[in-house]
Amino acid sequence: MSLKPDSLISGFTFVSWSNCMRKFTATFLFIQLLAFCAIAQTTNRPSELDLTLRLKTLRANSLQAENDKEIPSYNQEFRNEVKKAIELELDFENDSIPSFGHVKSPDKQFEIYTWNILKEFSEYEYYAFIKFKKGEVIELIDQSKMLLSPEFKITKTDNWFGALYYEIIPVKNKEKERYYVLLGWDGNTGSSLKKVIDVLYFNKRTESWQMGKKIFGPPFRDITRFFLEYSSEVNASLKYHEKEDRIVFDHLVPLNKGLEGVFEFYVPDLSFDGFEFRNDYWYFIQNIDVRGNQGMENYTVPETNIRLE
């Protein structure tokens, strides 16, 4: 018996409708599964309050540990939680975490999270994550103790001179190359402290972020970062004056001439020096008058949640 055209059409239509129904059902179930996963993921995300409390507790444990052996363990747990929170873009209150620094670049291209732990013999070890606008997260690995003459070194992010950063200065030179000046604090040996001017930039040749760069004019043409070392018994300022495009700092002198070069006995003498940006370089200038352009309130110790002494 031969099939009529209508029968052929009817049969074809029936088969197509069945396939469509199966595909529709599979798609519907898949969408439901995605929705369930999204809800589960949202449910598993800790609240801002819970995450802040956990980070605050872990950080406090590392600061208040009864012996030095407990500090690395508490700190490693804190580091892991901070890294996860940053990578997953979880919200937490930075200011509520003790001795924990967070600073954003003024151009909103990245932010830096820094903290440190106190080890044996009054030595500090530093930790940091850089979170870029596009989502990339880079960890800085402290190798301060391994860097000889760090003022002349250009380093990678896994060979970092550790510091707690409190100010970021975006700079663009005449060749339209952008780099970032970082102002930071280093606890050094405990008997002397350091303020540091470091540089962060992207090296297009190596396609990687690097630190340390020859940005200074004479007589500091050869250095890649600048250090201000002084007695731990005093405060010394290092701050950017945006209006004048200057980095201003205390002029330091030894307590007496016999102590020249022994920086744990260097103190401010109430005068100021600095670096002024012009013609692509930061030029050293002396005896800066800061009275007319900025009050001295909060000048010695910049505003930061980081413990700076």
C-alpha atoms as a PDB file:
ATOM      1  CA  MET A   1       0.000   0.000   0.000  1.00  0.00           C
ATOM      2  CA  SER A   2       1.378   3.367  -0.918  1.00  0.00           C
ATOM      3  CA  LEU A   3       1.365   6.290   1.512  1.00  0.00           C
ATOM      4  CA  LYS A   4      -0.442   9.438   0.618  1.00  0.00           C
ATOM      5  CA  PRO A   5       1.449  12.704   0.658  1.00  0.00           C
ATOM      6  CA  ASP A   6      -0.676  13.871   3.589  1.00  0.00           C
ATOM      7  CA  SER A   7       0.415  10.824   5.593  1.00  0.00           C
ATOM      8  CA  LEU A   8       4.056  11.536   4.868  1.00  0.00           C
ATOM      9  CA  ILE A   9       3.672  15.129   5.945  1.00  0.00           C
ATOM     10  CA  SER A  10       1.751  14.122   9.054  1.00  0.00           C
ATOM     11  CA  GLY A  11       4.366  11.569  10.052  1.00  0.00           C
ATOM     12  CA  PHE A  12       7.229  13.994   9.514  1.00  0.00           C
ATOM     13  CA  THR A  13       5.471  16.641  11.540  1.00  0.00           C
ATOM     14  CA  PHE A  14       4.941  14.209  14.435  1.00  0.00           C
ATOM     15  CA  VAL A  15       8.591  13.174  14.542  1.00  0.00           C
ATOM     16  CA  SER A  16       9.783  16.814  14.468  1.00  0.00           C
ATOM     17  CA  TRP A  17       7.406  17.791  17.275  1.00  0.00           C
ATOM     18  CA  SER A  18       8.677  14.938  19.448  1.00  0.00           C
ATOM     19  CA  ASN A  19      12.286  16.016  18.926  1.00  0.00           C
ATOM     20  CA  CYS A  20      11.404  19.587  19.784  1.00  0.00           C
ATOM     21  CA  MET A  21       9.686  18.496  22.993  1.00  0.00           C
ATOM     22  CA  ARG A  22      12.701  16.448  24.056  1.00  0.00           C
ATOM     23  CA  LYS A  23      15.052  19.342  23.318  1.00  0.00           C
ATOM     24  CA  PHE A  24      12.787  21.774  25.142  1.00  0.00           C
ATOM     25  CA  THR A  25      12.645  19.508  28.199  1.00  0.00           C
ATOM     26  CA  ALA A  26      16.445  19.083  28.233  1.00  0.00           C
ATOM     27  CA  THR A  27      16.977  22.831  27.877  1.00  0.00           C
ATOM     28  CA  PHE A  28      14.456  23.561  30.639  1.00  0.00           C
ATOM     29  CA  LEU A  29      16.181  21.122  32.998  1.00  0.00           C
ATOM     30  CA  PHE A  30      19.586  22.598  32.161  1.00  0.00           C
ATOM     31  CA  ILE A  31      18.345  26.111  32.936  1.00  0.00           C
ATOM     32  CA  GLN A  32      16.932  24.861  36.218  1.00  0.00           C
ATOM     33  CA  LEU A  33      20.273  23.281  37.062  1.00  0.00           C
ATOM     34  CA  LEU A  34      22.116  26.539  36.329  1.00  0.00           C
ATOM     35  CA  ALA A  35      19.668  28.467  38.473  1.00  0.00           C
ATOM     36  CA  PHE A  36      20.114  25.967  41.312  1.00  0.00           C
ATOM     37  CA  CYS A  37      23.914  26.257  41.084  1.00  0.00           C
ATOM     38  CA  ALA A  38      23.691  30.049  41.074  1.00  0.00           C
ATOM     39  CA  ILE A  39      21.459  30.014  44.154  1.00  0.00           C
ATOM     40  CA  ALA A  40      23.750  27.544  45.891  1.00  0.00           C
ATOM     41  CA  GLN A  41      26.784  29.653  45.063  1.00  0.00           C
ATOM     42  CA  THR A  42      25.070  32.782  46.367  1.00  0.00           C
ATOM     43  CA  THR A  43      23.975  30.941  49.482  1.00  0.00           C
ATOM     44  CA  ASN A  44      27.544  29.732  50.098  1.00  0.00           C
ATOM     45  CA  ARG A  45      28.981  33.214  49.805  1.00  0.00           C
ATOM     46  CA  PRO A  46      29.645  34.489  53.319  1.00  0.00           C
ATOM     47  CA  SER A  47      28.026  37.730  54.350  1.00  0.00           C
ATOM     48  CA  GLU A  48      30.181  40.809  54.625  1.00  0.00           C
ATOM     49  CA  LEU A  49      29.820  40.737  58.396  1.00  0.00           C
ATOM     50  CA  ASP A  50      30.732  37.039  58.722  1.00  0.00           C
ATOM     51  CA  LEU A  51      33.759  37.313  56.440  1.00  0.00           C
ATOM     52  CA  THR A  52      34.989  40.453  58.194  1.00  0.00           C
ATOM     53  CA  LEU A  53      34.673  38.754  61.567  1.00  0.00           C
ATOM     54  CA  ARG A  54      36.568  35.692  60.356  1.00  0.00           C
ATOM     55  CA  LEU A  55      39.399  37.756  58.849  1.00  0.00           C
ATOM     56  CA  LYS A  56      39.526  39.954  61.934  1.00  0.00           C
ATOM     57  CA  THR A  57      39.814  36.895  64.195  1.00  0.00           C
ATOM     58  CA  LEU A  58      42.517  35.232  62.095  1.00  0.00           C
ATOM     59  CA  ARG A  59      44.518  38.435  61.900  1.00  0.00           C
ATOM     60  CA  ALA A  60      44.203  39.024  65.637  1.00  0.00           C
ATOM     61  CA  ASN A  61      45.408  35.460  66.276  1.00  0.00           C
ATOM     62  CA  SER A  62      48.571  36.052  64.259  1.00  0.00           C
ATOM     63  CA  LEU A  63      49.221  39.302  66.112  1.00  0.00           C
ATOM     64  CA  GLN A  64      48.534  37.919  69.576  1.00  0.00           C
ATOM     65  CA  ALA A  65      50.026  34.426  69.290  1.00  0.00           C
ATOM     66  CA  GLU A  66      51.771  33.327  72.465  1.00  0.00           C
ATOM     67  CA  ASN A  67      54.828  31.988  70.670  1.00  0.00           C
ATOM     68  CA  ASP A  68      56.566  32.549  67.330  1.00  0.00           C
ATOM     69  CA  LYS A  69      55.736  29.040  66.080  1.00  0.00           C
ATOM     70  CA  GLU A  70      52.006  29.790  65.998  1.00  0.00           C
ATOM     71  CA  ILE A  71      52.313  33.009  64.012  1.00  0.00           C
ATOM     72  CA  PRO A  72      53.104  31.473  60.568  1.00  0.00           C
ATOM     73  CA  SER A  73      50.225  29.008  60.901  1.00  0.00           C
ATOM     74  CA  TYR A  74      47.659  31.678  61.778  1.00  0.00           C
ATOM     75  CA  ASN A  75      49.058  33.980  59.111  1.00  0.00           C
ATOM     76  CA  GLN A  76      48.914  31.320  56.396  1.00  0.00           C
ATOM     77  CA  GLU A  77      45.239  30.737  57.141  1.00  0.00           C
ATOM     78  CA  PHE A  78      44.635  34.503  57.048  1.00  0.00           C
ATOM     79  CA  ARG A  79      46.534  34.787  53.751  1.00  0.00           C
ATOM     80  CA  ASN A  80      44.458  32.021  52.157  1.00  0.00           C
ATOM     81  CA  GLU A  81      41.198  33.638  53.239  1.00  0.00           C
ATOM     82  CA  VAL A  82      42.254  37.070  51.987  1.00  0.00           C
ATOM     83  CA  LYS A  83      43.323  35.649  48.636  1.00  0.00           C
ATOM     84  CA  LYS A  84      40.026  33.791  48.198  1.00  0.00           C
ATOM     85  CA  ALA A  85      38.017  36.865  49.171  1.00  0.00           C
ATOM     86  CA  ILE A  86      39.874  39.061  46.692  1.00  0.00           C
ATOM     87  CA  GLU A  87      39.688  36.556  43.839  1.00  0.00           C
ATOM     88  CA  LEU A  88      35.963  35.922  44.379  1.00  0.00           C
ATOM     89  CA  GLU A  89      35.312  39.637  44.927  1.00  0.00           C
ATOM     90  CA  LEU A  90      33.748  39.042  48.317  1.00  0.00           C
ATOM     91  CA  ASP A  91      32.919  42.085  50.398  1.00  0.00           C
ATOM     92  CA  PHE A  92      34.614  42.688  53.742  1.00  0.00           C
ATOM     93  CA  GLU A  93      35.431  45.734  55.860  1.00  0.00           C
ATOM     94  CA  ASN A  94      39.133  46.472  55.452  1.00  0.00           C
ATOM     95  CA  ASP A  95      39.209  49.031  58.233  1.00  0.00           C
ATOM     96  CA  SER A  96      37.939  46.524  60.782  1.00  0.00           C
ATOM     97  CA  ILE A  97      40.914  44.189  60.339  1.00  0.00           C
ATOM     98  CA  PRO A  98      43.797  45.115  62.663  1.00  0.00           C
ATOM     99  CA  SER A  99      47.098  46.191  61.094  1.00  0.00           C
ATOM    100  CA  PHE A 100      45.867  45.531  57.572  1.00  0.00           C
ATOM    101  CA  GLY A 101      46.435  47.984  54.753  1.00  0.00           C
ATOM    102  CA  HIS A 102      44.332  48.679  51.691  1.00  0.00           C
ATOM    103  CA  VAL A 103      45.023  51.459  49.203  1.00  0.00           C
ATOM    104  CA  LYS A 104      43.567  52.165  45.756  1.00  0.00           C
ATOM    105  CA  SER A 105      45.305  53.837  42.844  1.00  0.00           C
ATOM    106  CA  PRO A 106      43.718  57.242  42.113  1.00  0.00           C
ATOM    107  CA  ASP A 107      43.048  56.173  38.513  1.00  0.00           C
ATOM    108  CA  LYS A 108      41.176  53.106  39.834  1.00  0.00           C
ATOM    109  CA  GLN A 109      43.327  50.669  37.867  1.00  0.00           C
ATOM    110  CA  PHE A 110      44.270  48.519  40.864  1.00  0.00           C
ATOM    111  CA  GLU A 111      44.277  48.227  44.639  1.00  0.00           C
ATOM    112  CA  ILE A 112      46.881  46.807  47.019  1.00  0.00           C
ATOM    113  CA  TYR A 113      46.301  44.845  50.208  1.00  0.00           C
ATOM    114  CA  THR A 114      49.308  44.635  52.556  1.00  0.00           C
ATOM    115  CA  TRP A 115      50.143  43.368  56.019  1.00  0.00           C
ATOM    116  CA  ASN A 116      53.103  41.988  57.941  1.00  0.00           C
ATOM    117  CA  ILE A 117      54.026  39.628  60.744  1.00  0.00           C
ATOM    118  CA  LEU A 118      56.715  40.070  63.365  1.00  0.00           C
ATOM    119  CA  LYS A 119      59.245  37.256  63.367  1.00  0.00           C
ATOM    120  CA  GLU A 120      62.176  36.438  65.629  1.00  0.00           C
ATOM    121  CA  PHE A 121      64.805  39.088  66.340  1.00  0.00           C
ATOM    122  CA  SER A 122      62.352  41.924  65.570  1.00  0.00           C
ATOM    123  CA  GLU A 123      62.281  41.100  61.859  1.00  0.00           C
ATOM    124  CA  TYR A 124      59.191  41.701  59.753  1.00  0.00           C
ATOM    125  CA  GLU A 125      57.858  39.611  56.899  1.00  0.00           C
ATOM    126  CA  TYR A 126      55.481  41.259  54.448  1.00  0.00           C
ATOM    127  CA  TYR A 127      52.533  40.009  52.433  1.00  0.00           C
ATOM    128  CA  ALA A 128      50.610  41.672  49.642  1.00  0.00           C
ATOM    129  CA  PHE A 129      48.070  41.128  46.889  1.00  0.00           C
ATOM    130  CA  ILE A 130      47.459  43.443  43.952  1.00  0.00           C
ATOM    131  CA  LYS A 131      43.953  43.301  42.487  1.00  0.00           C
ATOM    132  CA  PHE A 132      43.675  44.859  39.043  1.00  0.00           C
ATOM    133  CA  LYS A 133      40.579  46.429  37.534  1.00  0.00           C
ATOM    134  CA  LYS A 134      40.216  43.624  34.981  1.00  0.00           C
ATOM    135  CA  GLY A 135      40.197  40.985  37.724  1.00  0.00           C
ATOM    136  CA  GLU A 136      43.796  39.767  37.703  1.00  0.00           C
ATOM    137  CA  VAL A 137      45.285  39.121  41.147  1.00  0.00           C
ATOM    138  CA  ILE A 138      49.051  39.088  41.739  1.00  0.00           C
ATOM    139  CA  GLU A 139      50.736  38.123  44.982  1.00  0.00           C
ATOM    140  CA  LEU A 140      53.922  39.921  46.001  1.00  0.00           C
ATOM    141  CA  ILE A 141      56.519  37.612  47.561  1.00  0.00           C
ATOM    142  CA  ASP A 142      58.760  39.244  50.153  1.00  0.00           C
ATOM    143  CA  GLN A 143      62.466  38.629  49.529  1.00  0.00           C
ATOM    144  CA  SER A 144      63.761  41.699  51.376  1.00  0.00           C
ATOM    145  CA  LYS A 145      66.388  39.810  53.354  1.00  0.00           C
ATOM    146  CA  MET A 146      67.831  38.292  50.186  1.00  0.00           C
ATOM    147  CA  LEU A 147      68.149  41.586  48.293  1.00  0.00           C
ATOM    148  CA  LEU A 148      71.598  43.131  48.579  1.00  0.00           C
ATOM    149  CA  SER A 149      71.595  46.853  47.800  1.00  0.00           C
ATOM    150  CA  PRO A 150      67.878  46.919  46.968  1.00  0.00           C
ATOM    151  CA  GLU A 151      68.133  50.611  46.025  1.00  0.00           C
ATOM    152  CA  PHE A 152      69.802  49.485  42.778  1.00  0.00           C
ATOM    153  CA  LYS A 153      67.639  46.464  41.975  1.00  0.00           C
ATOM    154  CA  ILE A 154      64.863  45.991  39.451  1.00  0.00           C
ATOM    155  CA  THR A 155      62.747  43.124  40.745  1.00  0.00           C
ATOM    156  CA  LYS A 156      59.828  40.945  39.773  1.00  0.00           C
ATOM    157  CA  THR A 157      56.720  40.540  41.880  1.00  0.00           C
ATOM    158  CA  ASP A 158      58.098  37.261  43.295  1.00  0.00           C
ATOM    159  CA  ASN A 159      61.256  39.057  44.438  1.00  0.00           C
ATOM    160  CA  TRP A 160      59.686  41.956  46.281  1.00  0.00           C
ATOM    161  CA  PHE A 161      61.194  44.389  48.764  1.00  0.00           C
ATOM    162  CA  GLY A 162      58.384  44.154  51.300  1.00  0.00           C
ATOM    163  CA  ALA A 163      56.662  47.253  52.659  1.00  0.00           C
ATOM    164  CA  LEU A 164      53.280  48.471  53.834  1.00  0.00           C
ATOM    165  CA  TYR A 165      51.986  50.901  51.211  1.00  0.00           C
ATOM    166  CA  TYR A 166      49.842  53.886  52.118  1.00  0.00           C
ATOM    167  CA  GLU A 167      49.902  56.068  48.991  1.00  0.00           C
ATOM    168  CA  ILE A 168      49.954  55.488  45.220  1.00  0.00           C
ATOM    169  CA  ILE A 169      50.970  58.155  42.696  1.00  0.00           C
ATOM    170  CA  PRO A 170      50.156  57.502  38.999  1.00  0.00           C
ATOM    171  CA  VAL A 171      52.753  59.006  36.653  1.00  0.00           C
ATOM    172  CA  LYS A 172      52.864  59.306  32.871  1.00  0.00           C
ATOM    173  CA  ASN A 173      56.080  60.413  31.130  1.00  0.00           C
ATOM    174  CA  LYS A 174      56.500  62.131  27.782  1.00  0.00           C
ATOM    175  CA  GLU A 175      56.569  58.779  25.992  1.00  0.00           C
ATOM    176  CA  LYS A 176      53.143  58.115  27.516  1.00  0.00           C
ATOM    177  CA  GLU A 177      54.516  55.257  29.578  1.00  0.00           C
ATOM    178  CA  ARG A 178      52.598  54.876  32.834  1.00  0.00           C
ATOM    179  CA  TYR A 179      54.094  53.807  36.118  1.00  0.00           C
ATOM    180  CA  TYR A 180      53.056  54.055  39.752  1.00  0.00           C
ATOM    181  CA  VAL A 181      55.096  55.486  42.608  1.00  0.00           C
ATOM    182  CA  LEU A 182      54.402  53.650  45.862  1.00  0.00           C
ATOM    183  CA  LEU A 183      55.044  55.208  49.267  1.00  0.00           C
ATOM    184  CA  GLY A 184      55.543  52.661  52.016  1.00  0.00           C
ATOM    185  CA  TRP A 185      56.813  51.795  55.485  1.00  0.00           C
ATOM    186  CA  ASP A 186      59.258  49.090  56.546  1.00  0.00           C
ATOM    187  CA  GLY A 187      59.850  48.022  60.160  1.00  0.00           C
ATOM    188  CA  ASN A 188      63.419  47.090  59.210  1.00  0.00           C
ATOM    189  CA  THR A 189      65.401  45.868  62.251  1.00  0.00           C
ATOM    190  CA  GLY A 190      63.291  47.299  65.043  1.00  0.00           C
ATOM    191  CA  SER A 191      66.023  49.718  66.094  1.00  0.00           C
ATOM    192  CA  SER A 192      65.643  51.644  62.834  1.00  0.00           C
ATOM    193  CA  LEU A 193      62.665  52.102  60.504  1.00  0.00           C
ATOM    194  CA  LYS A 194      62.439  52.917  56.816  1.00  0.00           C
ATOM    195  CA  LYS A 195      60.150  54.837  54.519  1.00  0.00           C
ATOM    196  CA  VAL A 196      60.452  53.751  50.908  1.00  0.00           C
ATOM    197  CA  ILE A 197      59.660  55.187  47.486  1.00  0.00           C
ATOM    198  CA  ASP A 198      59.182  52.231  45.145  1.00  0.00           C
ATOM    199  CA  VAL A 199      57.901  51.950  41.576  1.00  0.00           C
ATOM    200  CA  LEU A 200      55.390  49.539  40.028  1.00  0.00           C
ATOM    201  CA  TYR A 201      55.072  49.283  36.261  1.00  0.00           C
ATOM    202  CA  PHE A 202      54.245  46.884  33.444  1.00  0.00           C
ATOM    203  CA  ASN A 203      57.220  45.853  31.326  1.00  0.00           C
ATOM    204  CA  LYS A 204      55.892  45.381  27.781  1.00  0.00           C
ATOM    205  CA  ARG A 205      59.049  43.573  26.686  1.00  0.00           C
ATOM    206  CA  THR A 206      58.733  40.836  29.308  1.00  0.00           C
ATOM    207  CA  GLU A 207      54.942  41.196  29.569  1.00  0.00           C
ATOM    208  CA  SER A 208      55.121  41.235  33.343  1.00  0.00           C
ATOM    209  CA  TRP A 209      54.781  43.619  36.268  1.00  0.00           C
ATOM    210  CA  GLN A 210      58.062  44.777  37.791  1.00  0.00           C
ATOM    211  CA  MET A 211      59.211  46.938  40.683  1.00  0.00           C
ATOM    212  CA  GLY A 212      62.090  49.390  40.897  1.00  0.00           C
ATOM    213  CA  LYS A 213      62.834  51.859  38.109  1.00  0.00           C
ATOM    214  CA  LYS A 214      65.289  54.670  37.386  1.00  0.00           C
ATOM    215  CA  ILE A 215      62.916  57.599  37.756  1.00  0.00           C
ATOM    216  CA  PHE A 216      65.135  59.948  39.798  1.00  0.00           C
ATOM    217  CA  GLY A 217      67.270  62.827  38.608  1.00  0.00           C
ATOM    218  CA  PRO A 218      70.822  63.583  39.815  1.00  0.00           C
ATOM    219  CA  PRO A 219      72.345  62.903  42.277  1.00  0.00           C
ATOM    220  CA  PHE A 220      70.128  59.807  42.476  1.00  0.00           C
ATOM    221  CA  ARG A 221      70.198  58.907  38.805  1.00  0.00           C
ATOM    222  CA  ASP A 222      71.391  55.313  39.390  1.00  0.00           C
ATOM    223  CA  ILE A 223      68.909  54.202  42.057  1.00  0.00           C
ATOM    224  CA  THR A 224      65.668  52.352  41.362  1.00  0.00           C
ATOM    225  CA  ARG A 225      64.017  52.987  44.754  1.00  0.00           C
ATOM    226  CA  PHE A 226      64.659  55.480  47.535  1.00  0.00           C
ATOM    227  CA  PHE A 227      64.970  54.771  51.260  1.00  0.00           C
ATOM    228  CA  LEU A 228      64.647  57.045  54.247  1.00  0.00           C
ATOM    229  CA  GLU A 229      66.091  55.274  57.327  1.00  0.00           C
ATOM    230  CA  TYR A 230      65.739  56.692  60.821  1.00  0.00           C
ATOM    231  CA  SER A 231      65.541  55.859  64.533  1.00  0.00           C
ATOM    232  CA  SER A 232      62.589  53.765  65.686  1.00  0.00           C
ATOM    233  CA  GLU A 233      62.212  56.235  68.576  1.00  0.00           C
ATOM    234  CA  VAL A 234      60.933  58.980  66.279  1.00  0.00           C
ATOM    235  CA  ASN A 235      58.506  59.516  63.403  1.00  0.00           C
ATOM    236  CA  ALA A 236      59.595  60.634  59.953  1.00  0.00           C
ATOM    237  CA  SER A 237      57.244  61.808  57.212  1.00  0.00           C
ATOM    238  CA  LEU A 238      57.085  60.869  53.548  1.00  0.00           C
ATOM    239  CA  LYS A 239      54.117  62.284  51.701  1.00  0.00           C
ATOM    240  CA  TYR A 240      53.003  63.365  48.245  1.00  0.00           C
ATOM    241  CA  HIS A 241      51.941  66.980  47.657  1.00  0.00           C
ATOM    242  CA  GLU A 242      49.702  66.755  44.617  1.00  0.00           C
ATOM    243  CA  LYS A 243      49.393  70.485  43.984  1.00  0.00           C
ATOM    244  CA  GLU A 244      53.168  70.976  43.605  1.00  0.00           C
ATOM    245  CA  ASP A 245      53.754  67.449  42.231  1.00  0.00           C
ATOM    246  CA  ARG A 246      56.292  66.806  44.966  1.00  0.00           C
ATOM    247  CA  ILE A 247      57.164  63.975  47.316  1.00  0.00           C
ATOM    248  CA  VAL A 248      58.188  65.684  50.555  1.00  0.00           C
ATOM    249  CA  PHE A 249      60.037  64.083  53.479  1.00  0.00           C
ATOM    250  CA  ASP A 250      61.824  64.973  56.698  1.00  0.00           C
ATOM    251  CA  HIS A 251      65.478  65.900  56.472  1.00  0.00           C
ATOM    252  CA  LEU A 252      67.293  63.463  58.752  1.00  0.00           C
ATOM    253  CA  VAL A 253      70.487  64.077  60.703  1.00  0.00           C
ATOM    254  CA  PRO A 254      72.507  61.977  63.200  1.00  0.00           C
ATOM    255  CA  LEU A 255      72.237  62.871  66.864  1.00  0.00           C
ATOM    256  CA  ASN A 256      75.910  63.832  66.675  1.00  0.00           C
ATOM    257  CA  LYS A 257      78.645  63.807  64.030  1.00  0.00           C
ATOM    258  CA  GLY A 258      80.207  60.666  65.448  1.00  0.00           C
ATOM    259  CA  LEU A 259      77.075  58.722  64.503  1.00  0.00           C
ATOM    260  CA  GLU A 260      77.063  59.533  60.781  1.00  0.00           C
ATOM    261  CA  GLY A 261      75.975  56.459  58.808  1.00  0.00           C
ATOM    262  CA  VAL A 262      74.469  54.764  61.877  1.00  0.00           C
ATOM    263  CA  PHE A 263      70.841  55.280  60.876  1.00  0.00           C
ATOM    264  CA  GLU A 264      69.260  54.038  64.088  1.00  0.00           C
ATOM    265  CA  PHE A 265      70.403  57.381  65.533  1.00  0.00           C
ATOM    266  CA  TYR A 266      69.040  59.581  62.719  1.00  0.00           C
ATOM    267  CA  VAL A 267      66.209  61.960  63.573  1.00  0.00           C
ATOM    268  CA  PRO A 268      64.289  64.761  61.800  1.00  0.00           C
ATOM    269  CA  ASP A 269      65.696  68.289  62.210  1.00  0.00           C
ATOM    270  CA  LEU A 270      62.380  70.032  61.350  1.00  0.00           C
ATOM    271  CA  SER A 271      63.447  70.881  57.807  1.00  0.00           C
ATOM    272  CA  PHE A 272      62.169  69.149  54.679  1.00  0.00           C
ATOM    273  CA  ASP A 273      63.590  67.828  51.428  1.00  0.00           C
ATOM    274  CA  GLY A 274      61.863  66.132  48.541  1.00  0.00           C
ATOM    275  CA  PHE A 275      61.557  65.123  44.909  1.00  0.00           C
ATOM    276  CA  GLU A 276      59.778  67.278  42.340  1.00  0.00           C
ATOM    277  CA  PHE A 277      58.526  65.829  39.056  1.00  0.00           C
ATOM    278  CA  ARG A 278      59.595  67.680  35.934  1.00  0.00           C
ATOM    279  CA  ASN A 279      60.965  66.729  32.504  1.00  0.00           C
ATOM    280  CA  ASP A 280      60.195  63.048  33.053  1.00  0.00           C
ATOM    281  CA  TYR A 281      62.257  62.702  36.264  1.00  0.00           C
ATOM    282  CA  TRP A 282      61.903  63.254  39.998  1.00  0.00           C
ATOM    283  CA  TYR A 283      64.517  65.873  40.910  1.00  0.00           C
ATOM    284  CA  PHE A 284      65.910  66.218  44.422  1.00  0.00           C
ATOM    285  CA  ILE A 285      65.246  69.557  46.132  1.00  0.00           C
ATOM    286  CA  GLN A 286      66.257  70.776  49.582  1.00  0.00           C
ATOM    287  CA  ASN A 287      64.822  73.049  52.258  1.00  0.00           C
ATOM    288  CA  ILE A 288      61.205  72.905  51.134  1.00  0.00           C
ATOM    289  CA  ASP A 289      58.857  75.323  52.843  1.00  0.00           C
ATOM    290  CA  VAL A 290      55.711  73.346  53.664  1.00  0.00           C
ATOM    291  CA  ARG A 291      54.026  76.005  55.764  1.00  0.00           C
ATOM    292  CA  GLY A 292      52.163  77.803  53.006  1.00  0.00           C
ATOM    293  CA  ASN A 293      50.698  74.846  51.146  1.00  0.00           C
ATOM    294  CA  GLN A 294      49.789  72.317  53.772  1.00  0.00           C
ATOM    295  CA  GLY A 295      49.221  72.145  57.501  1.00  0.00           C
ATOM    296  CA  MET A 296      51.266  69.807  59.623  1.00  0.00           C
ATOM    297  CA  GLU A 297      48.247  67.916  60.910  1.00  0.00           C
ATOM    298  CA  ASN A 298      48.633  64.238  60.077  1.00  0.00           C
ATOM    299  CA  TYR A 299      51.860  65.011  58.259  1.00  0.00           C
ATOM    300  CA  THR A 300      54.270  62.878  60.250  1.00  0.00           C
ATOM    301  CA  VAL A 301      52.111  59.758  60.229  1.00  0.00           C
ATOM    302  CA  PRO A 302      49.917  59.420  57.101  1.00  0.00           C
ATOM    303  CA  GLU A 303      46.327  58.280  57.470  1.00  0.00           C
ATOM    304  CA  THR A 304      46.323  54.511  57.271  1.00  0.00           C
ATOM    305  CA  ASN A 305      44.983  51.539  59.120  1.00  0.00           C
ATOM    306  CA  ILE A 306      48.481  50.034  59.137  1.00  0.00           C
ATOM    307  CA  ARG A 307      50.514  50.183  62.294  1.00  0.00           C
ATOM    308  CA  LEU A 308      53.419  52.455  61.344  1.00  0.00           C
ATOM    309  CA  GLU A 309      55.481  52.377  64.496  1.00  0.00           C
END
